[in-house]
Amino acid sequence: TWSVGDFCYLEDLFVAPTARKQGVARALIEAVYA
């Protein structure tokens, strides 16, 4: 109701424990932004 354009709800985000602290979550969020 606050915009003509859509909103984007990032509902789920998960990184495998062995891949954490390697920038994976940041890269996924940046891809969502794009």
Full PDB file with SEQRES, HELIX, SHEET, SSBOND, CRYST1, ORIGX, SCALE, CONECT and MASTER records, all heavy atoms in Angstrom:
SEQRES   1 A   34  THR TRP SER VAL GLY ASP PHE CYS TYR LEU GLU ASP LEU          
SEQRES   2 A   34  PHE VAL ALA PRO THR ALA ARG LYS GLN GLY VAL ALA ARG          
SEQRES   3 A   34  ALA LEU ILE GLU ALA VAL TYR ALA                              
HELIX    1 AA1 PRO A   17  ALA A   19  5                                   3    
HELIX    2 AA2 VAL A   24  TYR A   33  1                                  10    
CRYST1    1.000    1.000    1.000  90.00  90.00  90.00 P 1           1          
ORIGX1      1.000000  0.000000  0.000000        0.00000                         
ORIGX2      0.000000  1.000000  0.000000        0.00000                         
ORIGX3      0.000000  0.000000  1.000000        0.00000                         
SCALE1      1.000000  0.000000  0.000000        0.00000                         
SCALE2      0.000000  1.000000  0.000000        0.00000                         
SCALE3      0.000000  0.000000  1.000000        0.00000                         
ATOM      1  N   THR A   1       0.816  -1.222   0.000  1.00  0.00           N  
ATOM      2  CA  THR A   1       0.000   0.000   0.000  1.00  0.00           C  
ATOM      3  C   THR A   1       0.842   1.262   0.000  1.00  0.00           C  
ATOM      4  O   THR A   1       0.302   2.355  -0.174  1.00  0.00           O  
ATOM      5  CB  THR A   1      -0.926   0.025   1.231  1.00  0.00           C  
ATOM      6  OG1 THR A   1      -0.125  -0.025   2.417  1.00  0.00           O  
ATOM      7  CG2 THR A   1      -1.900  -1.141   1.194  1.00  0.00           C  
ATOM      8  N   TRP A   2       2.158   1.144   0.163  1.00  0.00           N  
ATOM      9  CA  TRP A   2       3.033   2.306   0.259  1.00  0.00           C  
ATOM     10  C   TRP A   2       3.862   2.517  -0.996  1.00  0.00           C  
ATOM     11  O   TRP A   2       4.795   3.322  -0.996  1.00  0.00           O  
ATOM     12  CB  TRP A   2       3.962   2.161   1.458  1.00  0.00           C  
ATOM     13  CG  TRP A   2       3.262   2.328   2.776  1.00  0.00           C  
ATOM     14  CD1 TRP A   2       2.071   1.774   3.158  1.00  0.00           C  
ATOM     15  CD2 TRP A   2       3.709   3.095   3.871  1.00  0.00           C  
ATOM     16  NE1 TRP A   2       1.755   2.150   4.423  1.00  0.00           N  
ATOM     17  CE2 TRP A   2       2.758   2.963   4.903  1.00  0.00           C  
ATOM     18  CE3 TRP A   2       4.825   3.871   4.105  1.00  0.00           C  
ATOM     19  CZ2 TRP A   2       2.882   3.588   6.129  1.00  0.00           C  
ATOM     20  CZ3 TRP A   2       4.957   4.491   5.341  1.00  0.00           C  
ATOM     21  CH2 TRP A   2       3.986   4.344   6.333  1.00  0.00           C  
ATOM     22  N   SER A   3       3.553   1.815  -2.069  1.00  0.00           N  
ATOM     23  CA  SER A   3       4.353   1.921  -3.282  1.00  0.00           C  
ATOM     24  C   SER A   3       3.537   1.460  -4.487  1.00  0.00           C  
ATOM     25  O   SER A   3       2.679   0.584  -4.360  1.00  0.00           O  
ATOM     26  CB  SER A   3       5.606   1.047  -3.152  1.00  0.00           C  
ATOM     27  OG  SER A   3       6.342   1.029  -4.343  1.00  0.00           O  
ATOM     28  N   VAL A   4       3.833   2.040  -5.633  1.00  0.00           N  
ATOM     29  CA  VAL A   4       3.226   1.559  -6.876  1.00  0.00           C  
ATOM     30  C   VAL A   4       3.891   0.244  -7.287  1.00  0.00           C  
ATOM     31  O   VAL A   4       3.242  -0.682  -7.740  1.00  0.00           O  
ATOM     32  CB  VAL A   4       3.368   2.617  -8.000  1.00  0.00           C  
ATOM     33  CG1 VAL A   4       2.894   2.057  -9.329  1.00  0.00           C  
ATOM     34  CG2 VAL A   4       2.600   3.873  -7.628  1.00  0.00           C  
ATOM     35  N   GLY A   5       5.206   0.190  -7.096  1.00  0.00           N  
ATOM     36  CA  GLY A   5       5.946  -1.032  -7.413  1.00  0.00           C  
ATOM     37  C   GLY A   5       5.805  -2.071  -6.313  1.00  0.00           C  
ATOM     38  O   GLY A   5       5.349  -1.783  -5.203  1.00  0.00           O  
ATOM     39  N   ASP A   6       6.200  -3.280  -6.646  1.00  0.00           N  
ATOM     40  CA  ASP A   6       6.143  -4.377  -5.683  1.00  0.00           C  
ATOM     41  C   ASP A   6       7.188  -4.211  -4.581  1.00  0.00           C  
ATOM     42  O   ASP A   6       8.146  -3.449  -4.706  1.00  0.00           O  
ATOM     43  CB  ASP A   6       6.400  -5.710  -6.388  1.00  0.00           C  
ATOM     44  CG  ASP A   6       5.207  -6.195  -7.181  1.00  0.00           C  
ATOM     45  OD1 ASP A   6       4.110  -5.643  -7.027  1.00  0.00           O  
ATOM     46  OD2 ASP A   6       5.384  -7.150  -7.971  1.00  0.00           O  
ATOM     47  N   PHE A   7       7.019  -4.981  -3.524  1.00  0.00           N  
ATOM     48  CA  PHE A   7       8.012  -5.160  -2.482  1.00  0.00           C  
ATOM     49  C   PHE A   7       8.581  -6.565  -2.634  1.00  0.00           C  
ATOM     50  O   PHE A   7       7.932  -7.451  -3.196  1.00  0.00           O  
ATOM     51  CB  PHE A   7       7.401  -5.020  -1.087  1.00  0.00           C  
ATOM     52  CG  PHE A   7       6.912  -3.640  -0.757  1.00  0.00           C  
ATOM     53  CD1 PHE A   7       5.820  -3.472   0.061  1.00  0.00           C  
ATOM     54  CD2 PHE A   7       7.531  -2.512  -1.255  1.00  0.00           C  
ATOM     55  CE1 PHE A   7       5.358  -2.204   0.397  1.00  0.00           C  
ATOM     56  CE2 PHE A   7       7.090  -1.238  -0.934  1.00  0.00           C  
ATOM     57  CZ  PHE A   7       5.995  -1.087  -0.102  1.00  0.00           C  
ATOM     58  N   CYS A   8       9.763  -6.767  -2.097  1.00  0.00           N  
ATOM     59  CA  CYS A   8      10.415  -8.076  -2.140  1.00  0.00           C  
ATOM     60  C   CYS A   8      10.668  -8.541  -0.718  1.00  0.00           C  
ATOM     61  O   CYS A   8      11.439  -7.915   0.015  1.00  0.00           O  
ATOM     62  CB  CYS A   8      11.733  -7.973  -2.920  1.00  0.00           C  
ATOM     63  SG  CYS A   8      12.659  -9.519  -2.984  1.00  0.00           S  
ATOM     64  N   TYR A   9      10.011  -9.617  -0.345  1.00  0.00           N  
ATOM     65  CA  TYR A   9      10.187 -10.201   0.981  1.00  0.00           C  
ATOM     66  C   TYR A   9      11.175 -11.356   0.873  1.00  0.00           C  
ATOM     67  O   TYR A   9      10.922 -12.335   0.178  1.00  0.00           O  
ATOM     68  CB  TYR A   9       8.846 -10.693   1.532  1.00  0.00           C  
ATOM     69  CG  TYR A   9       8.965 -11.424   2.843  1.00  0.00           C  
ATOM     70  CD1 TYR A   9       9.663 -10.867   3.910  1.00  0.00           C  
ATOM     71  CD2 TYR A   9       8.382 -12.656   3.030  1.00  0.00           C  
ATOM     72  CE1 TYR A   9       9.772 -11.527   5.129  1.00  0.00           C  
ATOM     73  CE2 TYR A   9       8.476 -13.330   4.237  1.00  0.00           C  
ATOM     74  CZ  TYR A   9       9.175 -12.759   5.270  1.00  0.00           C  
ATOM     75  OH  TYR A   9       9.284 -13.416   6.467  1.00  0.00           O  
ATOM     76  N   LEU A  10      12.304 -11.223   1.520  1.00  0.00           N  
ATOM     77  CA  LEU A  10      13.297 -12.289   1.584  1.00  0.00           C  
ATOM     78  C   LEU A  10      12.851 -13.218   2.715  1.00  0.00           C  
ATOM     79  O   LEU A  10      13.062 -12.920   3.890  1.00  0.00           O  
ATOM     80  CB  LEU A  10      14.678 -11.686   1.843  1.00  0.00           C  
ATOM     81  CG  LEU A  10      15.887 -12.577   1.651  1.00  0.00           C  
ATOM     82  CD1 LEU A  10      17.141 -11.717   1.536  1.00  0.00           C  
ATOM     83  CD2 LEU A  10      16.033 -13.611   2.717  1.00  0.00           C  
ATOM     84  N   GLU A  11      12.210 -14.309   2.346  1.00  0.00           N  
ATOM     85  CA  GLU A  11      11.576 -15.157   3.356  1.00  0.00           C  
ATOM     86  C   GLU A  11      12.545 -16.133   4.010  1.00  0.00           C  
ATOM     87  O   GLU A  11      12.475 -16.373   5.215  1.00  0.00           O  
ATOM     88  CB  GLU A  11      10.401 -15.925   2.743  1.00  0.00           C  
ATOM     89  CG  GLU A  11       9.615 -16.685   3.770  1.00  0.00           C  
ATOM     90  CD  GLU A  11       8.267 -17.154   3.282  1.00  0.00           C  
ATOM     91  OE1 GLU A  11       7.926 -16.939   2.107  1.00  0.00           O  
ATOM     92  OE2 GLU A  11       7.537 -17.735   4.092  1.00  0.00           O  
ATOM     93  N   ASP A  12      13.432 -16.711   3.227  1.00  0.00           N  
ATOM     94  CA  ASP A  12      14.345 -17.721   3.751  1.00  0.00           C  
ATOM     95  C   ASP A  12      15.758 -17.442   3.242  1.00  0.00           C  
ATOM     96  O   ASP A  12      15.942 -17.079   2.071  1.00  0.00           O  
ATOM     97  CB  ASP A  12      13.954 -19.129   3.272  1.00  0.00           C  
ATOM     98  CG  ASP A  12      12.511 -19.487   3.555  1.00  0.00           C  
ATOM     99  OD1 ASP A  12      12.085 -19.336   4.720  1.00  0.00           O  
ATOM    100  OD2 ASP A  12      11.811 -19.929   2.625  1.00  0.00           O  
ATOM    101  N   LEU A  13      16.737 -17.660   4.099  1.00  0.00           N  
ATOM    102  CA  LEU A  13      18.148 -17.550   3.730  1.00  0.00           C  
ATOM    103  C   LEU A  13      18.902 -18.581   4.546  1.00  0.00           C  
ATOM    104  O   LEU A  13      18.759 -18.625   5.779  1.00  0.00           O  
ATOM    105  CB  LEU A  13      18.680 -16.147   4.042  1.00  0.00           C  
ATOM    106  CG  LEU A  13      20.181 -15.924   3.848  1.00  0.00           C  
ATOM    107  CD1 LEU A  13      20.555 -16.006   2.376  1.00  0.00           C  
ATOM    108  CD2 LEU A  13      20.587 -14.572   4.417  1.00  0.00           C  
ATOM    109  N   PHE A  14      19.677 -19.416   3.861  1.00  0.00           N  
ATOM    110  CA  PHE A  14      20.423 -20.452   4.570  1.00  0.00           C  
ATOM    111  C   PHE A  14      21.722 -20.730   3.840  1.00  0.00           C  
ATOM    112  O   PHE A  14      21.751 -20.797   2.610  1.00  0.00           O  
ATOM    113  CB  PHE A  14      19.607 -21.748   4.669  1.00  0.00           C  
ATOM    114  CG  PHE A  14      20.284 -22.825   5.478  1.00  0.00           C  
ATOM    115  CD1 PHE A  14      20.353 -22.742   6.851  1.00  0.00           C  
ATOM    116  CD2 PHE A  14      20.860 -23.914   4.848  1.00  0.00           C  
ATOM    117  CE1 PHE A  14      20.981 -23.733   7.603  1.00  0.00           C  
ATOM    118  CE2 PHE A  14      21.482 -24.906   5.579  1.00  0.00           C  
ATOM    119  CZ  PHE A  14      21.553 -24.821   6.963  1.00  0.00           C  
ATOM    120  N   VAL A  15      22.771 -20.896   4.626  1.00  0.00           N  
ATOM    121  CA  VAL A  15      24.087 -21.269   4.107  1.00  0.00           C  
ATOM    122  C   VAL A  15      24.529 -22.528   4.846  1.00  0.00           C  
ATOM    123  O   VAL A  15      24.412 -22.610   6.080  1.00  0.00           O  
ATOM    124  CB  VAL A  15      25.111 -20.133   4.301  1.00  0.00           C  
ATOM    125  CG1 VAL A  15      26.504 -20.564   3.881  1.00  0.00           C  
ATOM    126  CG2 VAL A  15      24.672 -18.886   3.527  1.00  0.00           C  
ATOM    127  N   ALA A  16      25.031 -23.498   4.095  1.00  0.00           N  
ATOM    128  CA  ALA A  16      25.517 -24.731   4.704  1.00  0.00           C  
ATOM    129  C   ALA A  16      26.586 -24.403   5.746  1.00  0.00           C  
ATOM    130  O   ALA A  16      27.417 -23.511   5.526  1.00  0.00           O  
ATOM    131  CB  ALA A  16      26.099 -25.652   3.629  1.00  0.00           C  
ATOM    132  N   PRO A  17      26.582 -25.098   6.878  1.00  0.00           N  
ATOM    133  CA  PRO A  17      27.559 -24.802   7.930  1.00  0.00           C  
ATOM    134  C   PRO A  17      29.009 -24.791   7.442  1.00  0.00           C  
ATOM    135  O   PRO A  17      29.806 -23.971   7.883  1.00  0.00           O  
ATOM    136  CB  PRO A  17      27.316 -25.910   8.963  1.00  0.00           C  
ATOM    137  CG  PRO A  17      25.868 -26.264   8.785  1.00  0.00           C  
ATOM    138  CD  PRO A  17      25.617 -26.126   7.301  1.00  0.00           C  
ATOM    139  N   THR A  18      29.348 -25.663   6.509  1.00  0.00           N  
ATOM    140  CA  THR A  18      30.725 -25.731   6.005  1.00  0.00           C  
ATOM    141  C   THR A  18      31.098 -24.546   5.121  1.00  0.00           C  
ATOM    142  O   THR A  18      32.280 -24.346   4.830  1.00  0.00           O  
ATOM    143  CB  THR A  18      30.939 -27.027   5.205  1.00  0.00           C  
ATOM    144  OG1 THR A  18      29.980 -27.067   4.142  1.00  0.00           O  
ATOM    145  CG2 THR A  18      30.786 -28.257   6.089  1.00  0.00           C  
ATOM    146  N   ALA A  19      30.104 -23.763   4.694  1.00  0.00           N  
ATOM    147  CA  ALA A  19      30.360 -22.631   3.791  1.00  0.00           C  
ATOM    148  C   ALA A  19      30.166 -21.280   4.473  1.00  0.00           C  
ATOM    149  O   ALA A  19      30.250 -20.242   3.812  1.00  0.00           O  
ATOM    150  CB  ALA A  19      29.453 -22.740   2.568  1.00  0.00           C  
ATOM    151  N   ARG A  20      29.940 -21.283   5.756  1.00  0.00           N  
ATOM    152  CA  ARG A  20      29.690 -20.025   6.464  1.00  0.00           C  
ATOM    153  C   ARG A  20      30.975 -19.213   6.636  1.00  0.00           C  
ATOM    154  O   ARG A  20      32.072 -19.751   6.584  1.00  0.00           O  
ATOM    155  CB  ARG A  20      29.042 -20.299   7.815  1.00  0.00           C  
ATOM    156  CG  ARG A  20      27.641 -20.853   7.628  1.00  0.00           C  
ATOM    157  CD  ARG A  20      26.873 -21.011   8.891  1.00  0.00           C  
ATOM    158  NE  ARG A  20      25.582 -21.612   8.563  1.00  0.00           N  
ATOM    159  CZ  ARG A  20      24.899 -22.377   9.370  1.00  0.00           C  
ATOM    160  NH1 ARG A  20      25.351 -22.620  10.584  1.00  0.00           N  
ATOM    161  NH2 ARG A  20      23.751 -22.881   8.994  1.00  0.00           N  
ATOM    162  N   LYS A  21      30.797 -17.912   6.803  1.00  0.00           N  
ATOM    163  CA  LYS A  21      31.893 -16.953   6.987  1.00  0.00           C  
ATOM    164  C   LYS A  21      32.792 -16.868   5.744  1.00  0.00           C  
ATOM    165  O   LYS A  21      33.982 -16.579   5.849  1.00  0.00           O  
ATOM    166  CB  LYS A  21      32.707 -17.281   8.237  1.00  0.00           C  
ATOM    167  CG  LYS A  21      31.869 -17.217   9.513  1.00  0.00           C  
ATOM    168  CD  LYS A  21      32.717 -17.099  10.729  1.00  0.00           C  
ATOM    169  CE  LYS A  21      31.931 -17.135  12.003  1.00  0.00           C  
ATOM    170  NZ  LYS A  21      30.995 -16.073  12.219  1.00  0.00           N  
ATOM    171  N   GLN A  22      32.191 -17.124   4.581  1.00  0.00           N  
ATOM    172  CA  GLN A  22      32.922 -17.039   3.317  1.00  0.00           C  
ATOM    173  C   GLN A  22      32.253 -16.057   2.354  1.00  0.00           C  
ATOM    174  O   GLN A  22      32.562 -16.051   1.169  1.00  0.00           O  
ATOM    175  CB  GLN A  22      33.027 -18.421   2.668  1.00  0.00           C  
ATOM    176  CG  GLN A  22      33.793 -19.428   3.505  1.00  0.00           C  
ATOM    177  CD  GLN A  22      33.785 -20.812   2.902  1.00  0.00           C  
ATOM    178  OE1 GLN A  22      33.726 -20.984   1.691  1.00  0.00           O  
ATOM    179  NE2 GLN A  22      33.836 -21.828   3.756  1.00  0.00           N  
ATOM    180  N   GLY A  23      31.283 -15.288   2.846  1.00  0.00           N  
ATOM    181  CA  GLY A  23      30.617 -14.307   2.007  1.00  0.00           C  
ATOM    182  C   GLY A  23      29.419 -14.821   1.237  1.00  0.00           C  
ATOM    183  O   GLY A  23      28.871 -14.101   0.402  1.00  0.00           O  
ATOM    184  N   VAL A  24      28.988 -16.039   1.504  1.00  0.00           N  
ATOM    185  CA  VAL A  24      27.870 -16.632   0.764  1.00  0.00           C  
ATOM    186  C   VAL A  24      26.567 -15.898   1.068  1.00  0.00           C  
ATOM    187  O   VAL A  24      25.818 -15.532   0.151  1.00  0.00           O  
ATOM    188  CB  VAL A  24      27.741 -18.141   1.059  1.00  0.00           C  
ATOM    189  CG1 VAL A  24      26.544 -18.735   0.311  1.00  0.00           C  
ATOM    190  CG2 VAL A  24      29.025 -18.874   0.689  1.00  0.00           C  
ATOM    191  N   ALA A  25      26.275 -15.669   2.336  1.00  0.00           N  
ATOM    192  CA  ALA A  25      25.024 -14.991   2.702  1.00  0.00           C  
ATOM    193  C   ALA A  25      24.991 -13.584   2.108  1.00  0.00           C  
ATOM    194  O   ALA A  25      23.972 -13.158   1.556  1.00  0.00           O  
ATOM    195  CB  ALA A  25      24.864 -14.938   4.216  1.00  0.00           C  
ATOM    196  N   ARG A  26      26.095 -12.857   2.210  1.00  0.00           N  
ATOM    197  CA  ARG A  26      26.159 -11.514   1.635  1.00  0.00           C  
ATOM    198  C   ARG A  26      25.922 -11.565   0.123  1.00  0.00           C  
ATOM    199  O   ARG A  26      25.154 -10.769  -0.415  1.00  0.00           O  
ATOM    200  CB  ARG A  26      27.508 -10.871   1.929  1.00  0.00           C  
ATOM    201  CG  ARG A  26      27.633  -9.477   1.320  1.00  0.00           C  
ATOM    202  CD  ARG A  26      29.024  -8.906   1.536  1.00  0.00           C  
ATOM    203  NE  ARG A  26      29.284  -8.609   2.935  1.00  0.00           N  
ATOM    204  CZ  ARG A  26      29.059  -7.430   3.496  1.00  0.00           C  
ATOM    205  NH1 ARG A  26      28.571  -6.433   2.785  1.00  0.00           N  
ATOM    206  NH2 ARG A  26      29.334  -7.237   4.763  1.00  0.00           N  
ATOM    207  N   ALA A  27      26.541 -12.515  -0.549  1.00  0.00           N  
ATOM    208  CA  ALA A  27      26.371 -12.631  -2.002  1.00  0.00           C  
ATOM    209  C   ALA A  27      24.921 -12.953  -2.362  1.00  0.00           C  
ATOM    210  O   ALA A  27      24.385 -12.429  -3.349  1.00  0.00           O  
ATOM    211  CB  ALA A  27      27.317 -13.695  -2.563  1.00  0.00           C  
ATOM    212  N   LEU A  28      24.288 -13.816  -1.582  1.00  0.00           N  
ATOM    213  CA  LEU A  28      22.880 -14.136  -1.842  1.00  0.00           C  
ATOM    214  C   LEU A  28      21.991 -12.909  -1.640  1.00  0.00           C  
ATOM    215  O   LEU A  28      21.108 -12.636  -2.452  1.00  0.00           O  
ATOM    216  CB  LEU A  28      22.423 -15.288  -0.945  1.00  0.00           C  
ATOM    217  CG  LEU A  28      22.899 -16.676  -1.363  1.00  0.00           C  
ATOM    218  CD1 LEU A  28      22.748 -17.672  -0.223  1.00  0.00           C  
ATOM    219  CD2 LEU A  28      22.145 -17.145  -2.605  1.00  0.00           C  
ATOM    220  N   ILE A  29      22.224 -12.159  -0.575  1.00  0.00           N  
ATOM    221  CA  ILE A  29      21.416 -10.961  -0.330  1.00  0.00           C  
ATOM    222  C   ILE A  29      21.648  -9.922  -1.425  1.00  0.00           C  
ATOM    223  O   ILE A  29      20.699  -9.302  -1.913  1.00  0.00           O  
ATOM    224  CB  ILE A  29      21.686 -10.381   1.066  1.00  0.00           C  
ATOM    225  CG1 ILE A  29      21.172 -11.347   2.141  1.00  0.00           C  
ATOM    226  CG2 ILE A  29      21.016  -9.018   1.227  1.00  0.00           C  
ATOM    227  CD1 ILE A  29      21.603 -10.999   3.555  1.00  0.00           C  
ATOM    228  N   GLU A  30      22.880  -9.746  -1.835  1.00  0.00           N  
ATOM    229  CA  GLU A  30      23.167  -8.801  -2.920  1.00  0.00           C  
ATOM    230  C   GLU A  30      22.495  -9.235  -4.218  1.00  0.00           C  
ATOM    231  O   GLU A  30      22.019  -8.397  -4.990  1.00  0.00           O  
ATOM    232  CB  GLU A  30      24.668  -8.631  -3.080  1.00  0.00           C  
ATOM    233  CG  GLU A  30      25.275  -7.847  -1.928  1.00  0.00           C  
ATOM    234  CD  GLU A  30      26.797  -7.767  -1.953  1.00  0.00           C  
ATOM    235  OE1 GLU A  30      27.428  -8.420  -2.810  1.00  0.00           O  
ATOM    236  OE2 GLU A  30      27.344  -7.048  -1.094  1.00  0.00           O  
ATOM    237  N   ALA A  31      22.414 -10.545  -4.449  1.00  0.00           N  
ATOM    238  CA  ALA A  31      21.700 -11.046  -5.634  1.00  0.00           C  
ATOM    239  C   ALA A  31      20.203 -10.768  -5.520  1.00  0.00           C  
ATOM    240  O   ALA A  31      19.541 -10.469  -6.517  1.00  0.00           O  
ATOM    241  CB  ALA A  31      21.967 -12.536  -5.821  1.00  0.00           C  
ATOM    242  N   VAL A  32      19.661 -10.857  -4.312  1.00  0.00           N  
ATOM    243  CA  VAL A  32      18.255 -10.497  -4.088  1.00  0.00           C  
ATOM    244  C   VAL A  32      18.057  -9.014  -4.383  1.00  0.00           C  
ATOM    245  O   VAL A  32      17.089  -8.630  -5.047  1.00  0.00           O  
ATOM    246  CB  VAL A  32      17.799 -10.850  -2.660  1.00  0.00           C  
ATOM    247  CG1 VAL A  32      16.437 -10.231  -2.348  1.00  0.00           C  
ATOM    248  CG2 VAL A  32      17.759 -12.360  -2.469  1.00  0.00           C  
ATOM    249  N   TYR A  33      18.970  -8.182  -3.904  1.00  0.00           N  
ATOM    250  CA  TYR A  33      18.892  -6.748  -4.196  1.00  0.00           C  
ATOM    251  C   TYR A  33      18.870  -6.510  -5.705  1.00  0.00           C  
ATOM    252  O   TYR A  33      18.074  -5.708  -6.207  1.00  0.00           O  
ATOM    253  CB  TYR A  33      20.072  -6.001  -3.583  1.00  0.00           C  
ATOM    254  CG  TYR A  33      20.050  -5.803  -2.090  1.00  0.00           C  
ATOM    255  CD1 TYR A  33      21.193  -5.360  -1.439  1.00  0.00           C  
ATOM    256  CD2 TYR A  33      18.913  -6.027  -1.315  1.00  0.00           C  
ATOM    257  CE1 TYR A  33      21.205  -5.150  -0.061  1.00  0.00           C  
ATOM    258  CE2 TYR A  33      18.917  -5.825   0.054  1.00  0.00           C  
ATOM    259  CZ  TYR A  33      20.062  -5.381   0.675  1.00  0.00           C  
ATOM    260  OH  TYR A  33      20.070  -5.165   2.029  1.00  0.00           O  
ATOM    261  N   ALA A  34      19.737  -7.194  -6.433  1.00  0.00           N  
ATOM    262  CA  ALA A  34      19.800  -7.020  -7.888  1.00  0.00           C  
ATOM    263  C   ALA A  34      18.505  -7.482  -8.556  1.00  0.00           C  
ATOM    264  O   ALA A  34      17.992  -6.813  -9.462  1.00  0.00           O  
ATOM    265  CB  ALA A  34      21.001  -7.780  -8.461  1.00  0.00           C  
TER     266      ALA A  34                                                      
MASTER        0    0    0    2    0    0    0    6  265    1    0    3          
END                                                                             
